[in-house]
Amino acid sequence: MGVYAWGLLHVTGAVMSAEDGGTNSVPLPPCRTPGWEHRAEGVSGYRVEYVPLRFVCETDDVGDYPTSVPDHVNPVSFLLGLGAAVCFTVAALDSGSSREQADTGT
């Protein structure tokens, strides 16, 4: 949960920077990643995707590209979510077998 929240903070900062407007706002500041110079001319907007978490710069000609969210956020969030699901499943199965043992009196 904390890792995903960390990613959301990055996305929120990128959205705030993109919505700021004014001087030096074209291309969008979050879209200025290494190598952005050749893509900057075609940036037409952005979108936010929540699964996987990312801020996507939309372009007219080069193709959309994600930015702003650290590379480790999505894999770590996935692994922690998977671990939580496994723990929940094991706990549910264990509580079910405990009830069966209690009912049979063993």
Protein backbone atom coordinates (compact mmCIF):
# COMPACT_ATOMS: atom_id res chain seq x y z
CA MET A 1 0.00 0.00 0.00
CA GLY A 2 2.78 2.40 0.92
CA VAL A 3 4.67 1.76 -2.31
CA TYR A 4 1.57 2.46 -4.39
CA ALA A 5 0.97 5.64 -2.36
CA TRP A 6 4.56 6.67 -3.12
CA GLY A 7 3.81 6.22 -6.82
CA LEU A 8 0.59 8.20 -6.46
CA LEU A 9 2.59 11.08 -5.00
CA HIS A 10 4.79 11.06 -8.10
CA VAL A 11 1.75 11.01 -10.38
CA THR A 12 0.08 13.81 -8.41
CA GLY A 13 3.21 15.93 -8.69
CA ALA A 14 3.34 15.29 -12.44
CA VAL A 15 -0.32 16.26 -12.88
CA MET A 16 0.16 19.44 -10.84
CA SER A 17 3.20 20.33 -12.94
CA ALA A 18 1.33 19.59 -16.19
CA GLU A 19 -1.65 21.71 -15.13
CA ASP A 20 0.51 24.63 -13.99
CA GLY A 21 0.65 26.32 -17.41
CA GLY A 22 2.45 29.60 -18.00
CA THR A 23 5.98 30.15 -19.16
CA ASN A 24 8.03 27.05 -19.96
CA SER A 25 4.96 24.78 -19.99
CA VAL A 26 5.35 23.45 -23.54
CA PRO A 27 6.15 20.62 -23.73
CA LEU A 28 4.70 19.49 -20.43
CA PRO A 29 7.44 19.44 -17.79
CA PRO A 30 6.78 15.80 -16.75
CA CYS A 31 7.25 14.76 -20.39
CA ARG A 32 10.82 16.09 -20.43
CA THR A 33 12.60 12.83 -19.79
CA PRO A 34 16.03 11.81 -21.09
CA GLY A 35 15.73 11.83 -24.86
CA TRP A 36 12.57 13.93 -24.81
CA GLU A 37 13.86 16.45 -27.32
CA HIS A 38 12.85 14.35 -30.34
CA ARG A 39 9.44 13.57 -28.82
CA ALA A 40 8.68 17.01 -27.39
CA GLU A 41 7.31 18.52 -30.55
CA GLY A 42 4.41 16.09 -30.71
CA VAL A 43 3.24 16.06 -27.08
CA SER A 44 -0.47 16.77 -27.24
CA GLY A 45 -1.62 15.87 -23.75
CA TYR A 46 -1.41 13.33 -20.96
CA ARG A 47 -3.42 10.72 -19.13
CA VAL A 48 -3.12 8.93 -15.80
CA GLU A 49 -3.44 5.16 -15.59
CA TYR A 50 -3.91 3.52 -12.21
CA VAL A 51 -3.19 -0.14 -13.06
CA PRO A 52 -0.33 -0.14 -13.76
CA LEU A 53 0.26 3.22 -12.11
CA ARG A 54 1.75 5.70 -14.59
CA PHE A 55 1.61 9.18 -16.04
CA VAL A 56 1.47 8.85 -19.84
CA CYS A 57 2.53 11.61 -22.21
CA GLU A 58 0.39 11.45 -25.35
CA THR A 59 1.97 12.35 -28.67
CA ASP A 60 0.58 12.78 -32.15
CA ASP A 61 3.36 11.12 -34.08
CA VAL A 62 5.97 9.27 -31.98
CA GLY A 63 3.75 7.21 -29.69
CA ASP A 64 2.69 7.59 -26.08
CA TYR A 65 5.28 7.07 -23.35
CA PRO A 66 5.04 6.74 -19.54
CA THR A 67 6.97 8.99 -17.14
CA SER A 68 7.15 10.18 -13.51
CA VAL A 69 6.58 6.90 -11.65
CA PRO A 70 9.78 5.20 -10.43
CA ASP A 71 10.43 1.88 -12.16
CA HIS A 72 10.21 -0.15 -8.95
CA VAL A 73 6.73 0.99 -7.87
CA ASN A 74 4.57 -1.25 -10.08
CA PRO A 75 6.54 -4.52 -9.64
CA VAL A 76 6.84 -4.05 -5.86
CA SER A 77 3.13 -3.19 -5.58
CA PHE A 78 2.27 -6.30 -7.57
CA LEU A 79 4.47 -8.57 -5.46
CA LEU A 80 3.18 -7.15 -2.18
CA GLY A 81 -0.42 -7.50 -3.39
CA LEU A 82 0.25 -11.08 -4.47
CA GLY A 83 1.82 -11.82 -1.08
CA ALA A 84 -1.21 -10.35 0.69
CA ALA A 85 -3.55 -12.48 -1.43
CA VAL A 86 -1.55 -15.63 -0.60
CA CYS A 87 -1.59 -14.81 3.12
CA PHE A 88 -5.34 -14.16 3.00
CA THR A 89 -5.95 -17.46 1.19
CA VAL A 90 -3.79 -19.44 3.62
CA ALA A 91 -5.51 -17.83 6.61
CA ALA A 92 -8.96 -18.56 5.14
CA LEU A 93 -8.08 -22.19 4.45
CA ASP A 94 -6.53 -22.58 7.91
CA SER A 95 -9.57 -21.16 9.69
CA GLY A 96 -11.79 -23.51 7.70
CA SER A 97 -9.80 -26.56 8.77
CA SER A 98 -9.81 -25.36 12.41
CA ARG A 99 -13.61 -25.24 12.38
CA GLU A 100 -13.80 -28.76 10.93
CA GLN A 101 -11.50 -30.08 13.69
CA ALA A 102 -13.58 -28.33 16.35
CA ASP A 103 -16.79 -29.80 14.96
CA THR A 104 -15.42 -33.36 14.92
CA GLY A 105 -13.94 -33.00 18.40
CA THR A 106 -10.40 -33.96 17.50
